[in-house]
N, C-alpha and C. Protein backbone atom coordinates (compact mmCIF):
# COMPACT_ATOMS: atom_id res chain seq x y z
N MET A 1 6.87 -41.47 -18.54
CA MET A 1 5.54 -41.15 -19.01
C MET A 1 5.17 -39.76 -18.51
N ASP A 2 4.65 -38.95 -19.43
CA ASP A 2 4.19 -37.62 -19.06
C ASP A 2 2.77 -37.67 -18.50
N CYS A 3 1.87 -38.40 -19.20
CA CYS A 3 0.51 -38.53 -18.67
C CYS A 3 -0.19 -39.74 -19.30
N ARG A 4 -1.18 -40.24 -18.57
CA ARG A 4 -2.02 -41.34 -19.05
C ARG A 4 -3.44 -41.07 -18.56
N VAL A 5 -4.40 -41.19 -19.49
CA VAL A 5 -5.81 -40.95 -19.17
C VAL A 5 -6.61 -42.13 -19.73
N THR A 6 -7.56 -42.62 -18.93
CA THR A 6 -8.41 -43.74 -19.36
C THR A 6 -9.87 -43.39 -19.11
N VAL A 7 -10.73 -43.82 -20.04
CA VAL A 7 -12.18 -43.63 -19.88
C VAL A 7 -12.88 -44.88 -20.40
N MET A 8 -14.04 -45.18 -19.84
CA MET A 8 -14.89 -46.25 -20.35
C MET A 8 -15.94 -45.65 -21.26
N VAL A 9 -16.09 -46.23 -22.42
CA VAL A 9 -17.11 -45.79 -23.38
C VAL A 9 -18.11 -46.93 -23.50
N ARG A 10 -19.36 -46.64 -23.28
CA ARG A 10 -20.40 -47.67 -23.32
C ARG A 10 -20.86 -47.89 -24.76
N ALA A 11 -19.95 -48.48 -25.54
CA ALA A 11 -20.22 -48.80 -26.95
C ALA A 11 -19.22 -49.87 -27.38
N PRO A 12 -19.56 -50.63 -28.42
CA PRO A 12 -18.63 -51.65 -28.91
C PRO A 12 -17.33 -51.02 -29.44
N ARG A 13 -16.25 -51.74 -29.29
CA ARG A 13 -14.93 -51.23 -29.67
C ARG A 13 -14.89 -50.80 -31.13
N GLU A 14 -15.52 -51.54 -32.05
CA GLU A 14 -15.48 -51.16 -33.46
C GLU A 14 -16.16 -49.81 -33.69
N ASP A 15 -17.24 -49.54 -32.99
CA ASP A 15 -17.93 -48.24 -33.12
C ASP A 15 -17.07 -47.12 -32.55
N VAL A 16 -16.47 -47.38 -31.38
CA VAL A 16 -15.60 -46.37 -30.76
C VAL A 16 -14.41 -46.12 -31.67
N TRP A 17 -13.83 -47.17 -32.22
CA TRP A 17 -12.68 -47.02 -33.12
C TRP A 17 -13.03 -46.15 -34.33
N ARG A 18 -14.17 -46.42 -34.96
CA ARG A 18 -14.56 -45.62 -36.14
C ARG A 18 -14.58 -44.13 -35.81
N ARG A 19 -15.13 -43.79 -34.67
CA ARG A 19 -15.20 -42.37 -34.29
C ARG A 19 -13.82 -41.83 -33.92
N TRP A 20 -13.06 -42.57 -33.13
CA TRP A 20 -11.74 -42.12 -32.67
C TRP A 20 -10.76 -42.00 -33.83
N ALA A 21 -10.75 -42.99 -34.73
CA ALA A 21 -9.79 -43.00 -35.84
C ALA A 21 -10.18 -42.03 -36.96
N ASP A 22 -11.39 -41.51 -36.92
CA ASP A 22 -11.82 -40.50 -37.90
C ASP A 22 -11.38 -39.12 -37.40
N VAL A 23 -10.07 -38.90 -37.40
CA VAL A 23 -9.52 -37.65 -36.85
C VAL A 23 -10.12 -36.42 -37.53
N PRO A 24 -10.31 -36.40 -38.87
CA PRO A 24 -10.94 -35.21 -39.47
C PRO A 24 -12.35 -34.92 -38.93
N GLY A 25 -13.01 -35.94 -38.36
CA GLY A 25 -14.34 -35.75 -37.79
C GLY A 25 -14.34 -35.30 -36.34
N TRP A 26 -13.16 -35.20 -35.72
CA TRP A 26 -13.09 -34.83 -34.30
C TRP A 26 -13.82 -33.54 -33.95
N PRO A 27 -13.72 -32.48 -34.74
CA PRO A 27 -14.38 -31.23 -34.33
C PRO A 27 -15.90 -31.37 -34.16
N GLY A 28 -16.49 -32.40 -34.76
CA GLY A 28 -17.93 -32.60 -34.64
C GLY A 28 -18.39 -33.06 -33.26
N TRP A 29 -17.49 -33.66 -32.48
CA TRP A 29 -17.89 -34.16 -31.16
C TRP A 29 -16.90 -33.78 -30.06
N ASN A 30 -15.74 -33.28 -30.44
CA ASN A 30 -14.64 -33.08 -29.51
C ASN A 30 -14.41 -31.58 -29.24
N PRO A 31 -14.81 -31.07 -28.08
CA PRO A 31 -14.66 -29.64 -27.80
C PRO A 31 -13.20 -29.19 -27.66
N ALA A 32 -12.27 -30.14 -27.50
CA ALA A 32 -10.86 -29.78 -27.41
C ALA A 32 -10.23 -29.62 -28.79
N CYS A 33 -10.96 -29.94 -29.86
CA CYS A 33 -10.43 -29.88 -31.22
C CYS A 33 -11.30 -28.98 -32.08
N THR A 34 -10.72 -27.90 -32.61
CA THR A 34 -11.49 -26.98 -33.45
C THR A 34 -11.27 -27.21 -34.94
N GLU A 35 -10.15 -27.83 -35.32
CA GLU A 35 -9.87 -28.17 -36.71
C GLU A 35 -9.05 -29.44 -36.74
N ALA A 36 -9.30 -30.29 -37.76
CA ALA A 36 -8.51 -31.51 -37.90
C ALA A 36 -8.50 -31.95 -39.35
N ALA A 37 -7.34 -32.42 -39.79
CA ALA A 37 -7.20 -32.96 -41.14
C ALA A 37 -6.15 -34.06 -41.10
N ALA A 38 -6.26 -34.98 -42.03
CA ALA A 38 -5.28 -36.05 -42.19
C ALA A 38 -4.91 -36.10 -43.67
N THR A 39 -3.63 -35.98 -43.98
CA THR A 39 -3.19 -35.97 -45.36
C THR A 39 -2.15 -37.06 -45.57
N PRO A 40 -2.31 -37.92 -46.54
CA PRO A 40 -3.36 -37.91 -47.55
C PRO A 40 -4.68 -38.46 -47.03
N ALA A 41 -4.64 -39.46 -46.18
CA ALA A 41 -5.85 -40.01 -45.55
C ALA A 41 -5.40 -40.65 -44.25
N MET A 42 -6.36 -41.05 -43.43
CA MET A 42 -6.02 -41.64 -42.14
C MET A 42 -5.41 -43.02 -42.36
N ALA A 43 -4.08 -43.08 -42.26
CA ALA A 43 -3.32 -44.32 -42.41
C ALA A 43 -1.95 -44.09 -41.79
N GLU A 44 -1.18 -45.16 -41.62
CA GLU A 44 0.18 -44.98 -41.14
C GLU A 44 0.92 -44.05 -42.09
N GLY A 45 1.63 -43.09 -41.52
CA GLY A 45 2.35 -42.11 -42.31
C GLY A 45 1.56 -40.84 -42.58
N ALA A 46 0.27 -40.83 -42.30
CA ALA A 46 -0.54 -39.64 -42.55
C ALA A 46 -0.07 -38.48 -41.68
N ALA A 47 -0.05 -37.31 -42.27
CA ALA A 47 0.27 -36.09 -41.53
C ALA A 47 -1.04 -35.53 -40.99
N LEU A 48 -1.11 -35.35 -39.69
CA LEU A 48 -2.29 -34.76 -39.06
C LEU A 48 -2.05 -33.27 -38.88
N ARG A 49 -3.09 -32.50 -39.02
CA ARG A 49 -3.04 -31.07 -38.73
C ARG A 49 -4.17 -30.81 -37.74
N LEU A 50 -3.79 -30.51 -36.52
CA LEU A 50 -4.78 -30.36 -35.46
C LEU A 50 -4.70 -28.97 -34.84
N ARG A 51 -5.83 -28.34 -34.67
CA ARG A 51 -5.93 -27.12 -33.88
C ARG A 51 -6.72 -27.51 -32.65
N LEU A 52 -6.03 -27.47 -31.51
CA LEU A 52 -6.62 -27.91 -30.25
C LEU A 52 -6.82 -26.73 -29.31
N ARG A 53 -7.73 -26.90 -28.37
CA ARG A 53 -8.02 -25.87 -27.39
C ARG A 53 -7.37 -26.25 -26.07
N HIS A 54 -6.49 -25.38 -25.60
CA HIS A 54 -5.84 -25.53 -24.30
C HIS A 54 -6.91 -25.37 -23.22
N PRO A 55 -6.81 -26.06 -22.08
CA PRO A 55 -7.80 -25.90 -21.02
C PRO A 55 -7.97 -24.45 -20.57
N GLY A 56 -6.95 -23.61 -20.77
CA GLY A 56 -7.05 -22.19 -20.43
C GLY A 56 -7.83 -21.38 -21.45
N GLY A 57 -8.20 -22.01 -22.59
CA GLY A 57 -9.03 -21.34 -23.58
C GLY A 57 -8.34 -21.01 -24.89
N ARG A 58 -7.03 -20.80 -24.90
CA ARG A 58 -6.38 -20.43 -26.15
C ARG A 58 -6.22 -21.68 -27.03
N GLU A 59 -6.14 -21.45 -28.32
CA GLU A 59 -5.96 -22.54 -29.27
C GLU A 59 -4.50 -22.65 -29.66
N PHE A 60 -4.08 -23.85 -30.01
CA PHE A 60 -2.72 -24.07 -30.49
C PHE A 60 -2.77 -25.10 -31.61
N PHE A 61 -1.74 -25.09 -32.43
CA PHE A 61 -1.64 -25.95 -33.59
C PHE A 61 -0.58 -27.01 -33.35
N THR A 62 -0.84 -28.23 -33.80
CA THR A 62 0.16 -29.30 -33.76
C THR A 62 0.03 -30.12 -35.03
N ALA A 63 1.14 -30.67 -35.48
CA ALA A 63 1.15 -31.43 -36.74
C ALA A 63 1.89 -32.76 -36.57
N PRO A 64 1.29 -33.69 -35.86
CA PRO A 64 1.93 -35.00 -35.69
C PRO A 64 1.79 -35.86 -36.94
N ARG A 65 2.54 -36.94 -36.97
CA ARG A 65 2.44 -37.93 -38.04
C ARG A 65 2.00 -39.25 -37.42
N VAL A 66 1.04 -39.94 -38.07
CA VAL A 66 0.58 -41.23 -37.59
C VAL A 66 1.70 -42.25 -37.82
N THR A 67 2.12 -42.90 -36.75
CA THR A 67 3.23 -43.86 -36.85
C THR A 67 2.76 -45.31 -36.77
N ARG A 68 1.56 -45.53 -36.25
CA ARG A 68 1.03 -46.89 -36.14
C ARG A 68 -0.48 -46.82 -36.10
N LEU A 69 -1.12 -47.67 -36.88
CA LEU A 69 -2.57 -47.71 -36.93
C LEU A 69 -2.97 -49.18 -37.05
N GLU A 70 -3.53 -49.72 -35.97
CA GLU A 70 -3.96 -51.12 -35.92
C GLU A 70 -5.43 -51.15 -35.52
N ALA A 71 -6.29 -51.14 -36.52
CA ALA A 71 -7.73 -51.14 -36.26
C ALA A 71 -8.14 -52.48 -35.66
N PRO A 72 -9.02 -52.51 -34.72
CA PRO A 72 -9.66 -51.41 -34.00
C PRO A 72 -9.07 -51.22 -32.61
N GLU A 73 -7.75 -51.29 -32.48
CA GLU A 73 -7.22 -51.29 -31.12
C GLU A 73 -6.11 -50.31 -30.80
N ARG A 74 -5.39 -49.78 -31.78
CA ARG A 74 -4.24 -48.94 -31.44
C ARG A 74 -3.98 -47.90 -32.51
N MET A 75 -3.74 -46.67 -32.05
CA MET A 75 -3.32 -45.59 -32.93
C MET A 75 -2.22 -44.82 -32.21
N GLU A 76 -1.15 -44.53 -32.93
CA GLU A 76 -0.03 -43.79 -32.36
C GLU A 76 0.33 -42.65 -33.31
N TRP A 77 0.72 -41.52 -32.72
CA TRP A 77 1.24 -40.43 -33.54
C TRP A 77 2.42 -39.78 -32.83
N LEU A 78 3.25 -39.12 -33.65
CA LEU A 78 4.49 -38.54 -33.17
C LEU A 78 4.60 -37.10 -33.66
N THR A 79 4.92 -36.20 -32.73
CA THR A 79 5.21 -34.81 -33.08
C THR A 79 6.70 -34.61 -32.88
N ARG A 80 7.35 -34.07 -33.89
CA ARG A 80 8.80 -33.84 -33.81
C ARG A 80 9.10 -32.35 -33.90
N ALA A 81 10.09 -31.96 -33.15
CA ALA A 81 10.65 -30.61 -33.22
C ALA A 81 12.12 -30.75 -32.88
N LEU A 82 12.87 -29.71 -33.09
CA LEU A 82 14.29 -29.75 -32.80
C LEU A 82 14.51 -30.17 -31.34
N GLY A 83 15.14 -31.31 -31.12
CA GLY A 83 15.43 -31.77 -29.77
C GLY A 83 14.27 -32.37 -29.02
N LEU A 84 13.18 -32.69 -29.73
CA LEU A 84 11.97 -33.18 -29.05
C LEU A 84 11.25 -34.21 -29.90
N ARG A 85 10.78 -35.24 -29.23
CA ARG A 85 9.86 -36.22 -29.82
C ARG A 85 8.73 -36.39 -28.81
N ALA A 86 7.53 -36.00 -29.19
CA ALA A 86 6.36 -36.16 -28.33
C ALA A 86 5.46 -37.22 -28.95
N GLU A 87 5.29 -38.34 -28.22
CA GLU A 87 4.52 -39.47 -28.72
C GLU A 87 3.19 -39.59 -27.98
N THR A 88 2.16 -39.93 -28.73
CA THR A 88 0.85 -40.19 -28.15
C THR A 88 0.38 -41.55 -28.63
N VAL A 89 -0.05 -42.38 -27.70
CA VAL A 89 -0.54 -43.72 -28.00
C VAL A 89 -1.96 -43.83 -27.47
N SER A 90 -2.87 -44.30 -28.32
CA SER A 90 -4.23 -44.57 -27.84
C SER A 90 -4.51 -46.06 -28.05
N GLU A 91 -5.10 -46.66 -27.03
CA GLU A 91 -5.41 -48.08 -27.04
C GLU A 91 -6.88 -48.28 -26.69
N LEU A 92 -7.56 -49.14 -27.43
CA LEU A 92 -8.95 -49.47 -27.19
C LEU A 92 -9.03 -50.95 -26.84
N VAL A 93 -9.66 -51.25 -25.70
CA VAL A 93 -9.73 -52.63 -25.20
C VAL A 93 -11.18 -52.96 -24.90
N ASP A 94 -11.63 -54.13 -25.37
CA ASP A 94 -12.98 -54.61 -25.05
C ASP A 94 -13.10 -54.86 -23.56
N GLU A 95 -14.22 -54.42 -23.00
CA GLU A 95 -14.58 -54.70 -21.61
C GLU A 95 -16.02 -55.21 -21.62
N ASP A 96 -16.46 -55.79 -20.51
CA ASP A 96 -17.82 -56.32 -20.43
C ASP A 96 -18.88 -55.26 -20.70
N ASP A 97 -18.63 -54.03 -20.23
CA ASP A 97 -19.64 -52.98 -20.36
C ASP A 97 -19.29 -51.93 -21.41
N GLY A 98 -18.40 -52.26 -22.35
CA GLY A 98 -18.06 -51.31 -23.40
C GLY A 98 -16.61 -51.41 -23.81
N THR A 99 -16.00 -50.24 -23.97
CA THR A 99 -14.62 -50.16 -24.45
C THR A 99 -13.81 -49.26 -23.54
N ARG A 100 -12.67 -49.75 -23.10
CA ARG A 100 -11.74 -48.93 -22.32
C ARG A 100 -10.79 -48.26 -23.30
N VAL A 101 -10.75 -46.93 -23.26
CA VAL A 101 -9.86 -46.15 -24.13
C VAL A 101 -8.81 -45.48 -23.24
N THR A 102 -7.54 -45.72 -23.57
CA THR A 102 -6.44 -45.13 -22.81
C THR A 102 -5.56 -44.34 -23.77
N VAL A 103 -5.24 -43.11 -23.38
CA VAL A 103 -4.31 -42.27 -24.15
C VAL A 103 -3.12 -41.99 -23.25
N THR A 104 -1.93 -42.28 -23.78
CA THR A 104 -0.68 -42.06 -23.06
C THR A 104 0.20 -41.13 -23.88
N SER A 105 0.75 -40.11 -23.25
CA SER A 105 1.65 -39.17 -23.92
C SER A 105 3.00 -39.18 -23.22
N THR A 106 4.05 -39.20 -24.02
CA THR A 106 5.41 -39.14 -23.50
C THR A 106 6.22 -38.17 -24.36
N SER A 107 7.22 -37.55 -23.77
CA SER A 107 8.11 -36.68 -24.54
C SER A 107 9.55 -37.06 -24.20
N HIS A 108 10.40 -37.01 -25.23
CA HIS A 108 11.79 -37.42 -25.10
C HIS A 108 12.67 -36.42 -25.85
N GLY A 109 13.93 -36.45 -25.52
CA GLY A 109 14.90 -35.63 -26.24
C GLY A 109 15.48 -34.55 -25.35
N PRO A 110 16.57 -33.92 -25.82
CA PRO A 110 17.25 -32.93 -25.00
C PRO A 110 16.39 -31.71 -24.66
N LEU A 111 15.38 -31.42 -25.47
CA LEU A 111 14.53 -30.26 -25.18
C LEU A 111 13.16 -30.65 -24.63
N ALA A 112 13.00 -31.90 -24.23
CA ALA A 112 11.73 -32.34 -23.66
C ALA A 112 11.37 -31.55 -22.41
N PHE A 113 12.38 -31.16 -21.63
CA PHE A 113 12.11 -30.38 -20.41
C PHE A 113 11.43 -29.06 -20.77
N ALA A 114 11.84 -28.44 -21.88
CA ALA A 114 11.23 -27.16 -22.29
C ALA A 114 9.79 -27.38 -22.73
N TYR A 115 9.53 -28.47 -23.43
CA TYR A 115 8.17 -28.82 -23.85
C TYR A 115 7.29 -29.00 -22.62
N ARG A 116 7.82 -29.69 -21.58
CA ARG A 116 7.03 -29.93 -20.37
C ARG A 116 6.76 -28.65 -19.59
N LEU A 117 7.59 -27.62 -19.78
CA LEU A 117 7.31 -26.33 -19.15
C LEU A 117 6.11 -25.66 -19.80
N VAL A 118 6.00 -25.81 -21.12
CA VAL A 118 4.89 -25.20 -21.87
C VAL A 118 3.64 -26.07 -21.82
N MET A 119 3.83 -27.37 -22.02
CA MET A 119 2.71 -28.31 -22.04
C MET A 119 2.91 -29.29 -20.88
N ARG A 120 2.59 -28.81 -19.70
CA ARG A 120 2.78 -29.60 -18.48
C ARG A 120 1.98 -30.90 -18.55
N PRO A 121 2.48 -31.95 -17.91
CA PRO A 121 1.74 -33.21 -17.91
C PRO A 121 0.29 -33.05 -17.44
N ARG A 122 0.06 -32.19 -16.46
CA ARG A 122 -1.32 -31.95 -15.99
C ARG A 122 -2.17 -31.34 -17.09
N THR A 123 -1.59 -30.42 -17.86
CA THR A 123 -2.31 -29.80 -18.97
C THR A 123 -2.62 -30.83 -20.04
N GLN A 124 -1.63 -31.66 -20.39
CA GLN A 124 -1.87 -32.74 -21.35
C GLN A 124 -2.99 -33.65 -20.87
N ALA A 125 -2.96 -34.00 -19.59
CA ALA A 125 -3.99 -34.88 -19.03
C ALA A 125 -5.36 -34.22 -19.11
N LEU A 126 -5.43 -32.93 -18.86
CA LEU A 126 -6.73 -32.22 -18.97
C LEU A 126 -7.25 -32.24 -20.39
N ILE A 127 -6.37 -32.02 -21.37
CA ILE A 127 -6.79 -32.06 -22.78
C ILE A 127 -7.28 -33.45 -23.15
N HIS A 128 -6.52 -34.48 -22.79
CA HIS A 128 -6.92 -35.85 -23.11
C HIS A 128 -8.20 -36.24 -22.37
N THR A 129 -8.34 -35.81 -21.12
CA THR A 129 -9.57 -36.10 -20.37
C THR A 129 -10.77 -35.47 -21.05
N GLN A 130 -10.64 -34.21 -21.46
CA GLN A 130 -11.74 -33.53 -22.15
C GLN A 130 -12.10 -34.28 -23.43
N MET A 131 -11.09 -34.70 -24.19
CA MET A 131 -11.34 -35.45 -25.44
C MET A 131 -12.05 -36.77 -25.16
N LEU A 132 -11.53 -37.54 -24.21
CA LEU A 132 -12.10 -38.86 -23.97
C LEU A 132 -13.47 -38.79 -23.33
N ASN A 133 -13.70 -37.81 -22.46
CA ASN A 133 -15.04 -37.64 -21.91
C ASN A 133 -16.03 -37.27 -23.01
N ALA A 134 -15.60 -36.43 -23.94
CA ALA A 134 -16.47 -36.07 -25.07
C ALA A 134 -16.72 -37.27 -25.97
N LEU A 135 -15.69 -38.10 -26.18
CA LEU A 135 -15.88 -39.32 -26.97
C LEU A 135 -16.93 -40.21 -26.32
N SER A 136 -16.82 -40.41 -25.01
CA SER A 136 -17.79 -41.22 -24.28
C SER A 136 -19.19 -40.62 -24.38
N ALA A 137 -19.28 -39.31 -24.15
CA ALA A 137 -20.59 -38.64 -24.21
C ALA A 137 -21.19 -38.69 -25.59
N SER A 138 -20.37 -38.73 -26.63
CA SER A 138 -20.91 -38.76 -28.00
C SER A 138 -21.68 -40.04 -28.27
N PHE A 139 -21.41 -41.09 -27.52
CA PHE A 139 -22.17 -42.33 -27.70
C PHE A 139 -23.44 -42.32 -26.87
N ALA A 140 -23.54 -41.43 -25.91
CA ALA A 140 -24.77 -41.29 -25.13
C ALA A 140 -25.78 -40.43 -25.87
N ASP A 141 -25.29 -39.62 -26.84
CA ASP A 141 -26.14 -38.73 -27.62
C ASP A 141 -26.50 -39.43 -28.94
N PRO A 142 -27.74 -39.78 -29.14
CA PRO A 142 -28.12 -40.51 -30.36
C PRO A 142 -27.90 -39.71 -31.63
N ASP A 143 -27.77 -38.39 -31.54
CA ASP A 143 -27.55 -37.56 -32.75
C ASP A 143 -26.07 -37.42 -33.10
N ALA A 144 -25.18 -37.95 -32.25
CA ALA A 144 -23.73 -37.79 -32.50
C ALA A 144 -23.25 -38.75 -33.55
């Protein structure tokens, strides 16, 4: 495992899922995401086009494919490159006081070491933490 980040969102899982699974809507509440699209639509097999903001401030582009979508509890996507498979899994679990959201990222393949040099596990964790904290905060803001 490269990184795992968990946050509690004080909202019902179905509401959290609607916001989290609406990837094209991420730029509206997620400061780590400046552009997002899902083609043809948000479903298994959809190609995502994401422009994300690195914690250092620069933006970067990634184009994962949704590999698993189980509403309202699990979404997975995979980014492929020569010698690399970078997987991200998000899980939503009901808790007494809301929804626990966990994002786990792993990278595999002969060039995974090079990916980890560029996108260190700590950097990935910072990006996911920023996203999940913003997701949680978006439910505290009645206008979100």
